[in-house]
């Protein structure tokens, strides 16, 4: 491998080190982009799930409350024998 900058030849070992540095930076940037996309998608799914849960709870809370009251009134009371 041979790199030239402004009509100046760069030594092969310096070229390899420069290329390795550039590739390392590109790998880090790619990892950051991929991780941020994954995080954004996961955040969107989590917030959508929480929104659906809250919407369902807000719609069915009277039914849940009514069922809980009936359950508390009808359940068998446990009495301890002395």
PDB file of N, CA and C in Angstrom:
ATOM      1  N   UNK A   1       0.850  -1.155   0.000  1.00  0.00           N
ATOM      2  CA  UNK A   1       0.000   0.000   0.000  1.00  0.00           C
ATOM      3  C   UNK A   1       0.905   1.231   0.000  1.00  0.00           C
ATOM      4  N   UNK A   2       0.512   2.215  -0.783  1.00  0.00           N
ATOM      5  CA  UNK A   2       1.336   3.414  -0.907  1.00  0.00           C
ATOM      6  C   UNK A   2       0.417   4.621  -1.011  1.00  0.00           C
ATOM      7  N   UNK A   3       0.594   5.593  -0.100  1.00  0.00           N
ATOM      8  CA  UNK A   3      -0.236   6.796  -0.085  1.00  0.00           C
ATOM      9  C   UNK A   3       0.650   8.000  -0.360  1.00  0.00           C
ATOM     10  N   UNK A   4       0.126   8.917  -1.189  1.00  0.00           N
ATOM     11  CA  UNK A   4       0.849  10.156  -1.476  1.00  0.00           C
ATOM     12  C   UNK A   4      -0.040  11.342  -1.141  1.00  0.00           C
ATOM     13  N   UNK A   5       0.560  12.325  -0.441  1.00  0.00           N
ATOM     14  CA  UNK A   5      -0.147  13.559  -0.121  1.00  0.00           C
ATOM     15  C   UNK A   5       0.650  14.723  -0.675  1.00  0.00           C
ATOM     16  N   UNK A   6       0.053  15.486  -1.558  1.00  0.00           N
ATOM     17  CA  UNK A   6       0.670  16.692  -2.122  1.00  0.00           C
ATOM     18  C   UNK A   6       2.072  16.402  -2.641  1.00  0.00           C
ATOM     19  N   UNK A   7       2.182  15.369  -3.454  1.00  0.00           N
ATOM     20  CA  UNK A   7       3.435  14.962  -4.092  1.00  0.00           C
ATOM     21  C   UNK A   7       4.509  14.502  -3.096  1.00  0.00           C
ATOM     22  N   UNK A   8       4.097  14.167  -1.886  1.00  0.00           N
ATOM     23  CA  UNK A   8       5.023  13.613  -0.895  1.00  0.00           C
ATOM     24  C   UNK A   8       4.608  12.170  -0.637  1.00  0.00           C
ATOM     25  N   UNK A   9       5.542  11.276  -0.806  1.00  0.00           N
ATOM     26  CA  UNK A   9       5.254   9.870  -0.553  1.00  0.00           C
ATOM     27  C   UNK A   9       5.283   9.599   0.957  1.00  0.00           C
ATOM     28  N   UNK A  10       4.337   8.789   1.420  1.00  0.00           N
ATOM     29  CA  UNK A  10       4.255   8.418   2.830  1.00  0.00           C
ATOM     30  C   UNK A  10       4.778   6.996   2.952  1.00  0.00           C
ATOM     31  N   UNK A  11       5.515   6.736   4.004  1.00  0.00           N
ATOM     32  CA  UNK A  11       6.087   5.397   4.209  1.00  0.00           C
ATOM     33  C   UNK A  11       4.966   4.379   4.359  1.00  0.00           C
ATOM     34  N   UNK A  12       5.230   3.133   3.961  1.00  0.00           N
ATOM     35  CA  UNK A  12       4.187   2.102   4.023  1.00  0.00           C
ATOM     36  C   UNK A  12       3.676   1.859   5.440  1.00  0.00           C
ATOM     37  N   UNK A  13       4.539   1.839   6.427  1.00  0.00           N
ATOM     38  CA  UNK A  13       4.080   1.579   7.792  1.00  0.00           C
ATOM     39  C   UNK A  13       3.202   2.715   8.306  1.00  0.00           C
ATOM     40  N   UNK A  14       3.539   3.951   7.927  1.00  0.00           N
ATOM     41  CA  UNK A  14       2.717   5.102   8.302  1.00  0.00           C
ATOM     42  C   UNK A  14       1.368   5.045   7.587  1.00  0.00           C
ATOM     43  N   UNK A  15       1.361   4.579   6.359  1.00  0.00           N
ATOM     44  CA  UNK A  15       0.106   4.421   5.613  1.00  0.00           C
ATOM     45  C   UNK A  15      -0.801   3.403   6.285  1.00  0.00           C
ATOM     46  N   UNK A  16      -0.212   2.300   6.715  1.00  0.00           N
ATOM     47  CA  UNK A  16      -1.005   1.255   7.365  1.00  0.00           C
ATOM     48  C   UNK A  16      -1.548   1.753   8.697  1.00  0.00           C
ATOM     49  N   UNK A  17      -0.741   2.477   9.460  1.00  0.00           N
ATOM     50  CA  UNK A  17      -1.203   3.015  10.743  1.00  0.00           C
ATOM     51  C   UNK A  17      -2.323   4.033  10.519  1.00  0.00           C
ATOM     52  N   UNK A  18      -2.173   4.884   9.513  1.00  0.00           N
ATOM     53  CA  UNK A  18      -3.211   5.881   9.221  1.00  0.00           C
ATOM     54  C   UNK A  18      -4.509   5.200   8.790  1.00  0.00           C
ATOM     55  N   UNK A  19      -4.400   4.187   7.940  1.00  0.00           N
ATOM     56  CA  UNK A  19      -5.586   3.465   7.487  1.00  0.00           C
ATOM     57  C   UNK A  19      -6.257   2.744   8.656  1.00  0.00           C
ATOM     58  N   UNK A  20      -5.459   2.159   9.544  1.00  0.00           N
ATOM     59  CA  UNK A  20      -6.015   1.479  10.715  1.00  0.00           C
ATOM     60  C   UNK A  20      -6.744   2.477  11.613  1.00  0.00           C
ATOM     61  N   UNK A  21      -6.169   3.652  11.794  1.00  0.00           N
ATOM     62  CA  UNK A  21      -6.830   4.679  12.601  1.00  0.00           C
ATOM     63  C   UNK A  21      -8.139   5.131  11.997  1.00  0.00           C
ATOM     64  N   UNK A  22      -8.140   5.347  10.690  1.00  0.00           N
ATOM     65  CA  UNK A  22      -9.373   5.775  10.003  1.00  0.00           C
ATOM     66  C   UNK A  22     -10.440   4.686  10.104  1.00  0.00           C
ATOM     67  N   UNK A  23     -10.053   3.434   9.912  1.00  0.00           N
ATOM     68  CA  UNK A  23     -11.021   2.332  10.006  1.00  0.00           C
ATOM     69  C   UNK A  23     -11.559   2.190  11.423  1.00  0.00           C
ATOM     70  N   UNK A  24     -10.715   2.384  12.433  1.00  0.00           N
ATOM     71  CA  UNK A  24     -11.185   2.304  13.814  1.00  0.00           C
ATOM     72  C   UNK A  24     -12.212   3.401  14.093  1.00  0.00           C
ATOM     73  N   UNK A  25     -11.942   4.593  13.599  1.00  0.00           N
ATOM     74  CA  UNK A  25     -12.896   5.691  13.779  1.00  0.00           C
ATOM     75  C   UNK A  25     -14.213   5.385  13.068  1.00  0.00           C
ATOM     76  N   UNK A  26     -14.140   4.835  11.856  1.00  0.00           N
ATOM     77  CA  UNK A  26     -15.364   4.489  11.121  1.00  0.00           C
ATOM     78  C   UNK A  26     -16.150   3.383  11.823  1.00  0.00           C
ATOM     79  N   UNK A  27     -15.454   2.421  12.410  1.00  0.00           N
ATOM     80  CA  UNK A  27     -16.146   1.357  13.148  1.00  0.00           C
ATOM     81  C   UNK A  27     -16.855   1.934  14.361  1.00  0.00           C
ATOM     82  N   UNK A  28     -16.202   2.825  15.094  1.00  0.00           N
ATOM     83  CA  UNK A  28     -16.828   3.445  16.263  1.00  0.00           C
ATOM     84  C   UNK A  28     -18.043   4.271  15.850  1.00  0.00           C
ATOM     85  N   UNK A  29     -17.917   5.041  14.778  1.00  0.00           N
ATOM     86  CA  UNK A  29     -19.046   5.845  14.299  1.00  0.00           C
ATOM     87  C   UNK A  29     -20.197   4.934  13.855  1.00  0.00           C
ATOM     88  N   UNK A  30     -19.884   3.852  13.157  1.00  0.00           N
ATOM     89  CA  UNK A  30     -20.927   2.899  12.753  1.00  0.00           C
ATOM     90  C   UNK A  30     -21.617   2.262  13.941  1.00  0.00           C
ATOM     91  N   UNK A  31     -20.840   1.913  14.967  1.00  0.00           N
ATOM     92  CA  UNK A  31     -21.420   1.334  16.176  1.00  0.00           C
ATOM     93  C   UNK A  31     -22.340   2.337  16.865  1.00  0.00           C
ATOM     94  N   UNK A  32     -21.916   3.580  16.947  1.00  0.00           N
ATOM     95  CA  UNK A  32     -22.744   4.606  17.591  1.00  0.00           C
ATOM     96  C   UNK A  32     -24.047   4.812  16.816  1.00  0.00           C
ATOM     97  N   UNK A  33     -23.967   4.849  15.499  1.00  0.00           N
ATOM     98  CA  UNK A  33     -25.173   5.025  14.685  1.00  0.00           C
ATOM     99  C   UNK A  33     -26.110   3.829  14.842  1.00  0.00           C
ATOM    100  N   UNK A  34     -25.562   2.612  14.774  1.00  0.00           N
ATOM    101  CA  UNK A  34     -26.402   1.415  14.908  1.00  0.00           C
ATOM    102  C   UNK A  34     -27.026   1.349  16.292  1.00  0.00           C
ATOM    103  N   UNK A  35     -26.259   1.663  17.330  1.00  0.00           N
ATOM    104  CA  UNK A  35     -26.788   1.611  18.688  1.00  0.00           C
ATOM    105  C   UNK A  35     -27.861   2.670  18.897  1.00  0.00           C
ATOM    106  N   UNK A  36     -27.670   3.857  18.335  1.00  0.00           N
ATOM    107  CA  UNK A  36     -28.673   4.907  18.503  1.00  0.00           C
ATOM    108  C   UNK A  36     -29.959   4.562  17.750  1.00  0.00           C
ATOM    109  N   UNK A  37     -29.839   3.942  16.581  1.00  0.00           N
ATOM    110  CA  UNK A  37     -31.045   3.511  15.859  1.00  0.00           C
ATOM    111  C   UNK A  37     -31.783   2.430  16.635  1.00  0.00           C
ATOM    112  N   UNK A  38     -31.041   1.453  17.163  1.00  0.00           N
ATOM    113  CA  UNK A  38     -31.670   0.391  17.954  1.00  0.00           C
ATOM    114  C   UNK A  38     -32.346   0.973  19.187  1.00  0.00           C
ATOM    115  N   UNK A  39     -31.676   1.917  19.844  1.00  0.00           N
ATOM    116  CA  UNK A  39     -32.241   2.537  21.034  1.00  0.00           C
ATOM    117  C   UNK A  39     -33.495   3.329  20.694  1.00  0.00           C
ATOM    118  N   UNK A  40     -33.481   4.034  19.590  1.00  0.00           N
ATOM    119  CA  UNK A  40     -34.660   4.811  19.187  1.00  0.00           C
ATOM    120  C   UNK A  40     -35.843   3.890  18.875  1.00  0.00           C
ATOM    121  N   UNK A  41     -35.583   2.785  18.203  1.00  0.00           N
ATOM    122  CA  UNK A  41     -36.660   1.839  17.888  1.00  0.00           C
ATOM    123  C   UNK A  41     -37.192   1.188  19.162  1.00  0.00           C
ATOM    124  N   UNK A  42     -36.292   0.786  20.053  1.00  0.00           N
ATOM    125  CA  UNK A  42     -36.725   0.179  21.317  1.00  0.00           C
ATOM    126  C   UNK A  42     -37.522   1.173  22.152  1.00  0.00           C
ATOM    127  N   UNK A  43     -37.069   2.431  22.203  1.00  0.00           N
ATOM    128  CA  UNK A  43     -37.791   3.456  22.946  1.00  0.00           C
ATOM    129  C   UNK A  43     -39.192   3.666  22.372  1.00  0.00           C
ATOM    130  N   UNK A  44     -39.308   3.662  21.055  1.00  0.00           N
ATOM    131  CA  UNK A  44     -40.621   3.843  20.415  1.00  0.00           C
ATOM    132  C   UNK A  44     -41.555   2.685  20.768  1.00  0.00           C
ATOM    133  N   UNK A  45     -41.047   1.451  20.741  1.00  0.00           N
ATOM    134  CA  UNK A  45     -41.891   0.294  21.077  1.00  0.00           C
ATOM    135  C   UNK A  45     -42.296   0.309  22.549  1.00  0.00           C
ATOM    136  N   UNK A  46     -41.373   0.672  23.428  1.00  0.00           N
ATOM    137  CA  UNK A  46     -41.691   0.708  24.853  1.00  0.00           C
ATOM    138  C   UNK A  46     -42.729   1.779  25.144  1.00  0.00           C
ATOM    139  N   UNK A  47     -42.565   2.967  24.572  1.00  0.00           N
ATOM    140  CA  UNK A  47     -43.546   4.024  24.814  1.00  0.00           C
ATOM    141  C   UNK A  47     -44.907   3.681  24.205  1.00  0.00           C
ATOM    142  N   UNK A  48     -44.914   3.018  23.056  1.00  0.00           N
ATOM    143  CA  UNK A  48     -46.193   2.596  22.469  1.00  0.00           C
ATOM    144  C   UNK A  48     -46.875   1.559  23.359  1.00  0.00           C
ATOM    145  N   UNK A  49     -46.095   0.641  23.897  1.00  0.00           N
ATOM    146  CA  UNK A  49     -46.663  -0.366  24.801  1.00  0.00           C
ATOM    147  C   UNK A  49     -47.228   0.251  26.066  1.00  0.00           C
ATOM    148  N   UNK A  50     -46.506   1.195  26.647  1.00  0.00           N
ATOM    149  CA  UNK A  50     -47.004   1.871  27.847  1.00  0.00           C
ATOM    150  C   UNK A  50     -48.259   2.674  27.520  1.00  0.00           C
ATOM    151  N   UNK A  51     -48.264   3.312  26.351  1.00  0.00           N
ATOM    152  CA  UNK A  51     -49.448   4.072  25.942  1.00  0.00           C
ATOM    153  C   UNK A  51     -50.666   3.180  25.759  1.00  0.00           C
ATOM    154  N   UNK A  52     -50.479   2.030  25.142  1.00  0.00           N
ATOM    155  CA  UNK A  52     -51.598   1.097  24.980  1.00  0.00           C
ATOM    156  C   UNK A  52     -52.083   0.561  26.320  1.00  0.00           C
ATOM    157  N   UNK A  53     -51.145   0.288  27.234  1.00  0.00           N
ATOM    158  CA  UNK A  53     -51.523  -0.202  28.560  1.00  0.00           C
ATOM    159  C   UNK A  53     -52.349   0.843  29.302  1.00  0.00           C
ATOM    160  N   UNK A  54     -51.905   2.094  29.279  1.00  0.00           N
ATOM    161  CA  UNK A  54     -52.628   3.166  29.968  1.00  0.00           C
ATOM    162  C   UNK A  54     -53.993   3.406  29.312  1.00  0.00           C
ATOM    163  N   UNK A  55     -54.037   3.342  27.987  1.00  0.00           N
ATOM    164  CA  UNK A  55     -55.325   3.520  27.293  1.00  0.00           C
ATOM    165  C   UNK A  55     -56.286   2.389  27.648  1.00  0.00           C
ATOM    166  N   UNK A  56     -55.801   1.168  27.680  1.00  0.00           N
ATOM    167  CA  UNK A  56     -56.658   0.041  28.054  1.00  0.00           C
ATOM    168  C   UNK A  56     -57.112   0.133  29.497  1.00  0.00           C
ATOM    169  N   UNK A  57     -56.209   0.546  30.374  1.00  0.00           N
ATOM    170  CA  UNK A  57     -56.570   0.691  31.783  1.00  0.00           C
ATOM    171  C   UNK A  57     -57.585   1.807  31.976  1.00  0.00           C
ATOM    172  N   UNK A  58     -57.452   2.879  31.232  1.00  0.00           N
ATOM    173  CA  UNK A  58     -58.391   3.994  31.384  1.00  0.00           C
ATOM    174  C   UNK A  58     -59.772   3.641  30.827  1.00  0.00           C
ATOM    175  N   UNK A  59     -59.817   2.733  29.879  1.00  0.00           N
ATOM    176  CA  UNK A  59     -61.115   2.330  29.326  1.00  0.00           C
ATOM    177  C   UNK A  59     -61.808   1.326  30.234  1.00  0.00           C
ATOM    178  N   UNK A  60     -61.040   0.392  30.810  1.00  0.00           N
ATOM    179  CA  UNK A  60     -61.646  -0.715  31.559  1.00  0.00           C
ATOM    180  C   UNK A  60     -61.601  -0.544  33.072  1.00  0.00           C
ATOM    181  N   UNK A  61     -61.208   0.630  33.595  1.00  0.00           N
ATOM    182  CA  UNK A  61     -61.117   0.760  35.041  1.00  0.00           C
ATOM    183  C   UNK A  61     -62.458   0.608  35.746  1.00  0.00           C
ATOM    184  N   UNK A  62     -63.594   1.035  35.178  1.00  0.00           N
ATOM    185  CA  UNK A  62     -64.867   0.794  35.893  1.00  0.00           C
ATOM    186  C   UNK A  62     -65.186  -0.696  36.026  1.00  0.00           C
ATOM    187  N   UNK A  63     -64.883  -1.451  34.982  1.00  0.00           N
ATOM    188  CA  UNK A  63     -65.142  -2.890  35.026  1.00  0.00           C
ATOM    189  C   UNK A  63     -64.233  -3.546  36.066  1.00  0.00           C
ATOM    190  N   UNK A  64     -62.977  -3.140  36.108  1.00  0.00           N
ATOM    191  CA  UNK A  64     -62.038  -3.715  37.078  1.00  0.00           C
ATOM    192  C   UNK A  64     -62.467  -3.360  38.497  1.00  0.00           C
ATOM    193  N   UNK A  65     -62.880  -2.127  38.727  1.00  0.00           N
ATOM    194  CA  UNK A  65     -63.325  -1.704  40.047  1.00  0.00           C
ATOM    195  C   UNK A  65     -64.583  -2.444  40.468  1.00  0.00           C
ATOM    196  N   UNK A  66     -65.553  -2.568  39.564  1.00  0.00           N
ATOM    197  CA  UNK A  66     -66.796  -3.279  39.857  1.00  0.00           C
ATOM    198  C   UNK A  66     -66.515  -4.746  40.186  1.00  0.00           C
ATOM    199  N   UNK A  67     -65.632  -5.375  39.434  1.00  0.00           N
ATOM    200  CA  UNK A  67     -65.281  -6.771  39.681  1.00  0.00           C
ATOM    201  C   UNK A  67     -64.587  -6.925  41.033  1.00  0.00           C
ATOM    202  N   UNK A  68     -63.715  -5.998  41.375  1.00  0.00           N
ATOM    203  CA  UNK A  68     -63.015  -6.057  42.655  1.00  0.00           C
ATOM    204  C   UNK A  68     -63.986  -5.894  43.821  1.00  0.00           C
ATOM    205  N   UNK A  69     -64.956  -4.993  43.701  1.00  0.00           N
ATOM    206  CA  UNK A  69     -65.946  -4.799  44.766  1.00  0.00           C
ATOM    207  C   UNK A  69     -66.787  -6.053  44.938  1.00  0.00           C
ATOM    208  N   UNK A  70     -67.247  -6.646  43.858  1.00  0.00           N
ATOM    209  CA  UNK A  70     -68.033  -7.879  43.944  1.00  0.00           C
ATOM    210  C   UNK A  70     -67.204  -8.996  44.558  1.00  0.00           C
ATOM    211  N   UNK A  71     -65.938  -9.102  44.164  1.00  0.00           N
ATOM    212  CA  UNK A  71     -65.072 -10.134  44.715  1.00  0.00           C
ATOM    213  C   UNK A  71     -64.899  -9.961  46.228  1.00  0.00           C
ATOM    214  N   UNK A  72     -64.707  -8.733  46.671  1.00  0.00           N
ATOM    215  CA  UNK A  72     -64.524  -8.503  48.099  1.00  0.00           C
ATOM    216  C   UNK A  72     -65.806  -8.762  48.896  1.00  0.00           C
ATOM    217  N   UNK A  73     -66.961  -8.534  48.303  1.00  0.00           N
ATOM    218  CA  UNK A  73     -68.217  -8.779  48.997  1.00  0.00           C
ATOM    219  C   UNK A  73     -68.597 -10.257  49.027  1.00  0.00           C
ATOM    220  N   UNK A  74     -68.234 -11.013  48.028  1.00  0.00           N
ATOM    221  CA  UNK A  74     -68.684 -12.393  47.888  1.00  0.00           C
ATOM    222  C   UNK A  74     -67.689 -13.404  48.449  1.00  0.00           C
ATOM    223  N   UNK A  75     -66.434 -13.051  48.575  1.00  0.00           N
ATOM    224  CA  UNK A  75     -65.430 -14.041  48.986  1.00  0.00           C
ATOM    225  C   UNK A  75     -65.732 -14.603  50.365  1.00  0.00           C
ATOM    226  N   UNK A  76     -65.249 -15.826  50.581  1.00  0.00           N
ATOM    227  CA  UNK A  76     -65.432 -16.484  51.870  1.00  0.00           C
ATOM    228  C   UNK A  76     -64.487 -15.859  52.884  1.00  0.00           C
ATOM    229  N   UNK A  77     -65.041 -15.534  54.033  1.00  0.00           N
ATOM    230  CA  UNK A  77     -64.220 -14.951  55.084  1.00  0.00           C
ATOM    231  C   UNK A  77     -63.610 -16.094  55.878  1.00  0.00           C
ATOM    232  N   UNK A  78     -62.304 -16.047  56.063  1.00  0.00           N
ATOM    233  CA  UNK A  78     -61.595 -17.065  56.832  1.00  0.00           C
ATOM    234  C   UNK A  78     -61.589 -16.646  58.296  1.00  0.00           C
ATOM    235  N   UNK A  79     -62.157 -17.468  59.132  1.00  0.00           N
ATOM    236  CA  UNK A  79     -62.143 -17.188  60.573  1.00  0.00           C
ATOM    237  C   UNK A  79     -61.229 -18.185  61.243  1.00  0.00           C
ATOM    238  N   UNK A  80     -60.473 -17.712  62.190  1.00  0.00           N
ATOM    239  CA  UNK A  80     -59.560 -18.614  62.889  1.00  0.00           C
ATOM    240  C   UNK A  80     -60.282 -19.242  64.072  1.00  0.00           C
ATOM    241  N   UNK A  81     -60.055 -20.527  64.265  1.00  0.00           N
ATOM    242  CA  UNK A  81     -60.689 -21.272  65.367  1.00  0.00           C
ATOM    243  C   UNK A  81     -59.809 -21.146  66.602  1.00  0.00           C
ATOM    244  N   UNK A  82     -60.449 -20.787  67.748  1.00  0.00           N
ATOM    245  CA  UNK A  82     -59.699 -20.619  68.994  1.00  0.00           C
ATOM    246  C   UNK A  82     -59.982 -21.740  69.914  1.00  0.00           C
TER     247      UNK A  82
END
